[in-house]
Amino acid sequence: MKVTAIIPDDIVGDVQKYSGGMNITDSINMALKDWLYVKRIASLNEEVGQNPLCFKDNFSINEIRSNRNRS
């Protein structure tokens, strides 16, 4: 998608510097992908915080690992 946006030069410069992109478009794409990654992780953390994982009473990671190693 082609987009026109007014972004301050200092922000574009920092994005290029820290992303290591080959050009402005590449740098902004990388920055947006990284930002989305962070936001998705934060959202998942919030969801897990509100609905913690629950394990069965007889849950054993060692049993699961030993079954997986037999395959």
PDB file of N, CA and C in Angstrom:
ATOM      1  N   MET A   1       0.842  -1.160   0.000  1.00  0.00           N
ATOM      2  CA  MET A   1       0.000   0.000   0.000  1.00  0.00           C
ATOM      3  C   MET A   1       0.895   1.233   0.000  1.00  0.00           C
ATOM      4  N   LYS A   2       0.574   2.140  -0.830  1.00  0.00           N
ATOM      5  CA  LYS A   2       1.330   3.380  -0.895  1.00  0.00           C
ATOM      6  C   LYS A   2       0.668   4.387   0.043  1.00  0.00           C
ATOM      7  N   VAL A   3       1.488   5.000   0.924  1.00  0.00           N
ATOM      8  CA  VAL A   3       0.978   5.931   1.923  1.00  0.00           C
ATOM      9  C   VAL A   3       1.851   7.171   1.936  1.00  0.00           C
ATOM     10  N   THR A   4       1.212   8.321   2.085  1.00  0.00           N
ATOM     11  CA  THR A   4       1.954   9.555   2.281  1.00  0.00           C
ATOM     12  C   THR A   4       1.786   9.943   3.743  1.00  0.00           C
ATOM     13  N   ALA A   5       2.888  10.153   4.418  1.00  0.00           N
ATOM     14  CA  ALA A   5       2.836  10.519   5.832  1.00  0.00           C
ATOM     15  C   ALA A   5       3.862  11.604   6.106  1.00  0.00           C
ATOM     16  N   ILE A   6       3.504  12.494   7.009  1.00  0.00           N
ATOM     17  CA  ILE A   6       4.445  13.538   7.425  1.00  0.00           C
ATOM     18  C   ILE A   6       5.076  13.077   8.724  1.00  0.00           C
ATOM     19  N   ILE A   7       6.346  12.722   8.633  1.00  0.00           N
ATOM     20  CA  ILE A   7       7.095  12.219   9.785  1.00  0.00           C
ATOM     21  C   ILE A   7       8.303  13.125   9.977  1.00  0.00           C
ATOM     22  N   PRO A   8       8.514  13.613  11.193  1.00  0.00           N
ATOM     23  CA  PRO A   8       9.658  14.500  11.430  1.00  0.00           C
ATOM     24  C   PRO A   8      10.983  13.844  11.022  1.00  0.00           C
ATOM     25  N   ASP A   9      11.874  14.648  10.463  1.00  0.00           N
ATOM     26  CA  ASP A   9      13.165  14.145   9.972  1.00  0.00           C
ATOM     27  C   ASP A   9      13.970  13.439  11.050  1.00  0.00           C
ATOM     28  N   ASP A  10      13.923  13.968  12.288  1.00  0.00           N
ATOM     29  CA  ASP A  10      14.716  13.339  13.349  1.00  0.00           C
ATOM     30  C   ASP A  10      14.213  11.933  13.664  1.00  0.00           C
ATOM     31  N   ILE A  11      12.908  11.715  13.581  1.00  0.00           N
ATOM     32  CA  ILE A  11      12.363  10.372  13.823  1.00  0.00           C
ATOM     33  C   ILE A  11      12.768   9.434  12.691  1.00  0.00           C
ATOM     34  N   VAL A  12      12.651   9.904  11.461  1.00  0.00           N
ATOM     35  CA  VAL A  12      13.047   9.079  10.307  1.00  0.00           C
ATOM     36  C   VAL A  12      14.529   8.739  10.409  1.00  0.00           C
ATOM     37  N   GLY A  13      15.338   9.710  10.786  1.00  0.00           N
ATOM     38  CA  GLY A  13      16.774   9.472  10.932  1.00  0.00           C
ATOM     39  C   GLY A  13      17.076   8.427  11.990  1.00  0.00           C
ATOM     40  N   ASP A  14      16.396   8.527  13.132  1.00  0.00           N
ATOM     41  CA  ASP A  14      16.605   7.539  14.195  1.00  0.00           C
ATOM     42  C   ASP A  14      16.149   6.156  13.755  1.00  0.00           C
ATOM     43  N   VAL A  15      15.021   6.086  13.065  1.00  0.00           N
ATOM     44  CA  VAL A  15      14.524   4.801  12.583  1.00  0.00           C
ATOM     45  C   VAL A  15      15.528   4.166  11.629  1.00  0.00           C
ATOM     46  N   GLN A  16      16.071   4.977  10.724  1.00  0.00           N
ATOM     47  CA  GLN A  16      17.079   4.448   9.793  1.00  0.00           C
ATOM     48  C   GLN A  16      18.328   3.989  10.543  1.00  0.00           C
ATOM     49  N   LYS A  17      18.735   4.772  11.514  1.00  0.00           N
ATOM     50  CA  LYS A  17      19.952   4.459  12.279  1.00  0.00           C
ATOM     51  C   LYS A  17      19.796   3.143  13.042  1.00  0.00           C
ATOM     52  N   TYR A  18      18.685   2.986  13.755  1.00  0.00           N
ATOM     53  CA  TYR A  18      18.526   1.822  14.617  1.00  0.00           C
ATOM     54  C   TYR A  18      18.005   0.585  13.894  1.00  0.00           C
ATOM     55  N   SER A  19      17.303   0.764  12.782  1.00  0.00           N
ATOM     56  CA  SER A  19      16.768  -0.401  12.076  1.00  0.00           C
ATOM     57  C   SER A  19      17.804  -1.023  11.145  1.00  0.00           C
ATOM     58  N   GLY A  20      18.714  -0.192  10.649  1.00  0.00           N
ATOM     59  CA  GLY A  20      19.696  -0.704   9.700  1.00  0.00           C
ATOM     60  C   GLY A  20      19.096  -0.979   8.337  1.00  0.00           C
ATOM     61  N   GLY A  21      17.937  -0.384   8.057  1.00  0.00           N
ATOM     62  CA  GLY A  21      17.286  -0.594   6.775  1.00  0.00           C
ATOM     63  C   GLY A  21      18.097  -0.020   5.623  1.00  0.00           C
ATOM     64  N   MET A  22      17.847  -0.555   4.436  1.00  0.00           N
ATOM     65  CA  MET A  22      18.596  -0.122   3.253  1.00  0.00           C
ATOM     66  C   MET A  22      18.131   1.240   2.748  1.00  0.00           C
ATOM     67  N   ASN A  23      16.861   1.603   3.062  1.00  0.00           N
ATOM     68  CA  ASN A  23      16.316   2.901   2.657  1.00  0.00           C
ATOM     69  C   ASN A  23      15.216   3.279   3.649  1.00  0.00           C
ATOM     70  N   ILE A  24      14.564   4.420   3.420  1.00  0.00           N
ATOM     71  CA  ILE A  24      13.544   4.874   4.367  1.00  0.00           C
ATOM     72  C   ILE A  24      12.378   3.885   4.434  1.00  0.00           C
ATOM     73  N   THR A  25      11.914   3.415   3.286  1.00  0.00           N
ATOM     74  CA  THR A  25      10.792   2.478   3.262  1.00  0.00           C
ATOM     75  C   THR A  25      11.121   1.205   4.026  1.00  0.00           C
ATOM     76  N   ASP A  26      12.276   0.642   3.766  1.00  0.00           N
ATOM     77  CA  ASP A  26      12.710  -0.572   4.447  1.00  0.00           C
ATOM     78  C   ASP A  26      12.813  -0.327   5.953  1.00  0.00           C
ATOM     79  N   SER A  27      13.375   0.805   6.321  1.00  0.00           N
ATOM     80  CA  SER A  27      13.537   1.135   7.736  1.00  0.00           C
ATOM     81  C   SER A  27      12.201   1.282   8.442  1.00  0.00           C
ATOM     82  N   ILE A  28      11.264   1.969   7.814  1.00  0.00           N
ATOM     83  CA  ILE A  28       9.948   2.160   8.432  1.00  0.00           C
ATOM     84  C   ILE A  28       9.191   0.842   8.515  1.00  0.00           C
ATOM     85  N   ASN A  29       9.290   0.008   7.484  1.00  0.00           N
ATOM     86  CA  ASN A  29       8.670  -1.321   7.545  1.00  0.00           C
ATOM     87  C   ASN A  29       9.215  -2.134   8.713  1.00  0.00           C
ATOM     88  N   MET A  30      10.521  -2.125   8.880  1.00  0.00           N
ATOM     89  CA  MET A  30      11.143  -2.862   9.976  1.00  0.00           C
ATOM     90  C   MET A  30      10.685  -2.323  11.325  1.00  0.00           C
ATOM     91  N   ALA A  31      10.640  -1.004  11.451  1.00  0.00           N
ATOM     92  CA  ALA A  31      10.225  -0.386  12.712  1.00  0.00           C
ATOM     93  C   ALA A  31       8.771  -0.718  13.038  1.00  0.00           C
ATOM     94  N   LEU A  32       7.904  -0.673  12.040  1.00  0.00           N
ATOM     95  CA  LEU A  32       6.500  -0.997  12.274  1.00  0.00           C
ATOM     96  C   LEU A  32       6.315  -2.466  12.646  1.00  0.00           C
ATOM     97  N   LYS A  33       7.042  -3.357  12.000  1.00  0.00           N
ATOM     98  CA  LYS A  33       6.963  -4.779  12.340  1.00  0.00           C
ATOM     99  C   LYS A  33       7.432  -5.020  13.770  1.00  0.00           C
ATOM    100  N   ASP A  34       8.533  -4.379  14.160  1.00  0.00           N
ATOM    101  CA  ASP A  34       9.030  -4.513  15.531  1.00  0.00           C
ATOM    102  C   ASP A  34       8.025  -3.971  16.536  1.00  0.00           C
ATOM    103  N   TRP A  35       7.413  -2.825  16.230  1.00  0.00           N
ATOM    104  CA  TRP A  35       6.434  -2.220  17.117  1.00  0.00           C
ATOM    105  C   TRP A  35       5.235  -3.148  17.290  1.00  0.00           C
ATOM    106  N   LEU A  36       4.755  -3.725  16.176  1.00  0.00           N
ATOM    107  CA  LEU A  36       3.634  -4.660  16.249  1.00  0.00           C
ATOM    108  C   LEU A  36       3.986  -5.899  17.063  1.00  0.00           C
ATOM    109  N   TYR A  37       5.196  -6.399  16.911  1.00  0.00           N
ATOM    110  CA  TYR A  37       5.655  -7.556  17.673  1.00  0.00           C
ATOM    111  C   TYR A  37       5.579  -7.268  19.167  1.00  0.00           C
ATOM    112  N   VAL A  38       6.087  -6.104  19.566  1.00  0.00           N
ATOM    113  CA  VAL A  38       6.078  -5.723  20.981  1.00  0.00           C
ATOM    114  C   VAL A  38       4.641  -5.595  21.490  1.00  0.00           C
ATOM    115  N   LYS A  39       3.775  -4.962  20.709  1.00  0.00           N
ATOM    116  CA  LYS A  39       2.380  -4.785  21.120  1.00  0.00           C
ATOM    117  C   LYS A  39       1.653  -6.119  21.222  1.00  0.00           C
ATOM    118  N   ARG A  40       1.920  -7.035  20.299  1.00  0.00           N
ATOM    119  CA  ARG A  40       1.275  -8.353  20.356  1.00  0.00           C
ATOM    120  C   ARG A  40       1.729  -9.126  21.591  1.00  0.00           C
ATOM    121  N   ILE A  41       3.004  -9.067  21.910  1.00  0.00           N
ATOM    122  CA  ILE A  41       3.516  -9.734  23.111  1.00  0.00           C
ATOM    123  C   ILE A  41       2.875  -9.127  24.348  1.00  0.00           C
ATOM    124  N   ALA A  42       2.785  -7.798  24.404  1.00  0.00           N
ATOM    125  CA  ALA A  42       2.158  -7.126  25.549  1.00  0.00           C
ATOM    126  C   ALA A  42       0.703  -7.559  25.689  1.00  0.00           C
ATOM    127  N   SER A  43       0.008  -7.674  24.572  1.00  0.00           N
ATOM    128  CA  SER A  43      -1.391  -8.099  24.595  1.00  0.00           C
ATOM    129  C   SER A  43      -1.513  -9.533  25.110  1.00  0.00           C
ATOM    130  N   LEU A  44      -0.649 -10.413  24.642  1.00  0.00           N
ATOM    131  CA  LEU A  44      -0.663 -11.795  25.122  1.00  0.00           C
ATOM    132  C   LEU A  44      -0.337 -11.864  26.608  1.00  0.00           C
ATOM    133  N   ASN A  45       0.635 -11.072  27.056  1.00  0.00           N
ATOM    134  CA  ASN A  45       0.972 -11.044  28.484  1.00  0.00           C
ATOM    135  C   ASN A  45      -0.213 -10.586  29.319  1.00  0.00           C
ATOM    136  N   GLU A  46      -0.927  -9.582  28.834  1.00  0.00           N
ATOM    137  CA  GLU A  46      -2.109  -9.096  29.553  1.00  0.00           C
ATOM    138  C   GLU A  46      -3.185 -10.175  29.612  1.00  0.00           C
ATOM    139  N   GLU A  47      -3.384 -10.856  28.487  1.00  0.00           N
ATOM    140  CA  GLU A  47      -4.382 -11.926  28.436  1.00  0.00           C
ATOM    141  C   GLU A  47      -4.039 -13.056  29.396  1.00  0.00           C
ATOM    142  N   VAL A  48      -2.779 -13.462  29.423  1.00  0.00           N
ATOM    143  CA  VAL A  48      -2.357 -14.526  30.337  1.00  0.00           C
ATOM    144  C   VAL A  48      -2.461 -14.050  31.791  1.00  0.00           C
ATOM    145  N   GLY A  49      -2.183 -12.763  32.021  1.00  0.00           N
ATOM    146  CA  GLY A  49      -2.317 -12.220  33.372  1.00  0.00           C
ATOM    147  C   GLY A  49      -3.754 -12.253  33.859  1.00  0.00           C
ATOM    148  N   GLN A  50      -4.702 -12.035  32.955  1.00  0.00           N
ATOM    149  CA  GLN A  50      -6.119 -12.056  33.320  1.00  0.00           C
ATOM    150  C   GLN A  50      -6.670 -13.479  33.385  1.00  0.00           C
ATOM    151  N   ASN A  51      -6.114 -14.367  32.585  1.00  0.00           N
ATOM    152  CA  ASN A  51      -6.547 -15.770  32.542  1.00  0.00           C
ATOM    153  C   ASN A  51      -5.317 -16.669  32.624  1.00  0.00           C
ATOM    154  N   PRO A  52      -4.751 -16.822  33.821  1.00  0.00           N
ATOM    155  CA  PRO A  52      -3.515 -17.607  33.951  1.00  0.00           C
ATOM    156  C   PRO A  52      -3.675 -19.042  33.450  1.00  0.00           C
ATOM    157  N   LEU A  53      -2.573 -19.590  32.994  1.00  0.00           N
ATOM    158  CA  LEU A  53      -2.565 -20.983  32.559  1.00  0.00           C
ATOM    159  C   LEU A  53      -2.785 -21.890  33.767  1.00  0.00           C
ATOM    160  N   CYS A  54      -3.567 -22.929  33.576  1.00  0.00           N
ATOM    161  CA  CYS A  54      -3.813 -23.889  34.652  1.00  0.00           C
ATOM    162  C   CYS A  54      -3.405 -25.271  34.164  1.00  0.00           C
ATOM    163  N   PHE A  55      -2.696 -25.985  35.005  1.00  0.00           N
ATOM    164  CA  PHE A  55      -2.258 -27.333  34.667  1.00  0.00           C
ATOM    165  C   PHE A  55      -3.052 -28.342  35.480  1.00  0.00           C
ATOM    166  N   LYS A  56      -3.194 -29.532  34.938  1.00  0.00           N
ATOM    167  CA  LYS A  56      -3.855 -30.605  35.665  1.00  0.00           C
ATOM    168  C   LYS A  56      -3.043 -30.929  36.912  1.00  0.00           C
ATOM    169  N   ASP A  57      -3.710 -31.467  37.921  1.00  0.00           N
ATOM    170  CA  ASP A  57      -3.031 -31.788  39.173  1.00  0.00           C
ATOM    171  C   ASP A  57      -1.891 -32.775  38.982  1.00  0.00           C
ATOM    172  N   ASN A  58      -2.036 -33.714  38.067  1.00  0.00           N
ATOM    173  CA  ASN A  58      -1.000 -34.729  37.862  1.00  0.00           C
ATOM    174  C   ASN A  58      -0.077 -34.389  36.696  1.00  0.00           C
ATOM    175  N   PHE A  59      -0.017 -33.123  36.311  1.00  0.00           N
ATOM    176  CA  PHE A  59       0.821 -32.690  35.190  1.00  0.00           C
ATOM    177  C   PHE A  59       2.300 -32.929  35.511  1.00  0.00           C
ATOM    178  N   SER A  60       3.023 -33.476  34.551  1.00  0.00           N
ATOM    179  CA  SER A  60       4.453 -33.719  34.724  1.00  0.00           C
ATOM    180  C   SER A  60       5.186 -33.416  33.418  1.00  0.00           C
ATOM    181  N   ILE A  61       5.979 -32.378  33.424  1.00  0.00           N
ATOM    182  CA  ILE A  61       6.750 -32.032  32.229  1.00  0.00           C
ATOM    183  C   ILE A  61       7.777 -33.116  31.920  1.00  0.00           C
ATOM    184  N   ASN A  62       8.300 -33.747  32.956  1.00  0.00           N
ATOM    185  CA  ASN A  62       9.282 -34.816  32.741  1.00  0.00           C
ATOM    186  C   ASN A  62       8.672 -35.995  31.990  1.00  0.00           C
ATOM    187  N   GLU A  63       7.418 -36.317  32.276  1.00  0.00           N
ATOM    188  CA  GLU A  63       6.741 -37.398  31.558  1.00  0.00           C
ATOM    189  C   GLU A  63       6.540 -37.020  30.096  1.00  0.00           C
ATOM    190  N   ILE A  64       6.158 -35.797  29.835  1.00  0.00           N
ATOM    191  CA  ILE A  64       5.978 -35.335  28.460  1.00  0.00           C
ATOM    192  C   ILE A  64       7.296 -35.368  27.705  1.00  0.00           C
ATOM    193  N   ARG A  65       8.348 -34.919  28.350  1.00  0.00           N
ATOM    194  CA  ARG A  65       9.670 -34.927  27.702  1.00  0.00           C
ATOM    195  C   ARG A  65      10.131 -36.340  27.401  1.00  0.00           C
ATOM    196  N   SER A  66       9.930 -37.259  28.341  1.00  0.00           N
ATOM    197  CA  SER A  66      10.382 -38.625  28.109  1.00  0.00           C
ATOM    198  C   SER A  66       9.571 -39.287  26.996  1.00  0.00           C
ATOM    199  N   ASN A  67       8.275 -38.963  26.897  1.00  0.00           N
ATOM    200  CA  ASN A  67       7.459 -39.499  25.795  1.00  0.00           C
ATOM    201  C   ASN A  67       7.907 -38.939  24.461  1.00  0.00           C
ATOM    202  N   ARG A  68       8.272 -37.683  24.444  1.00  0.00           N
ATOM    203  CA  ARG A  68       8.710 -37.038  23.197  1.00  0.00           C
ATOM    204  C   ARG A  68      10.061 -37.620  22.754  1.00  0.00           C
ATOM    205  N   ASN A  69      10.932 -37.933  23.687  1.00  0.00           N
ATOM    206  CA  ASN A  69      12.249 -38.467  23.346  1.00  0.00           C
ATOM    207  C   ASN A  69      12.175 -39.903  22.818  1.00  0.00           C
ATOM    208  N   ARG A  70      11.130 -40.605  23.116  1.00  0.00           N
ATOM    209  CA  ARG A  70      10.966 -41.996  22.631  1.00  0.00           C
ATOM    210  C   ARG A  70      10.629 -42.036  21.152  1.00  0.00           C
ATOM    211  N   SER A  71      10.070 -40.955  20.634  1.00  0.00           N
ATOM    212  CA  SER A  71       9.636 -40.936  19.222  1.00  0.00           C
ATOM    213  C   SER A  71      10.784 -40.849  18.269  1.00  0.00           C
TER     214      SER A  71
END
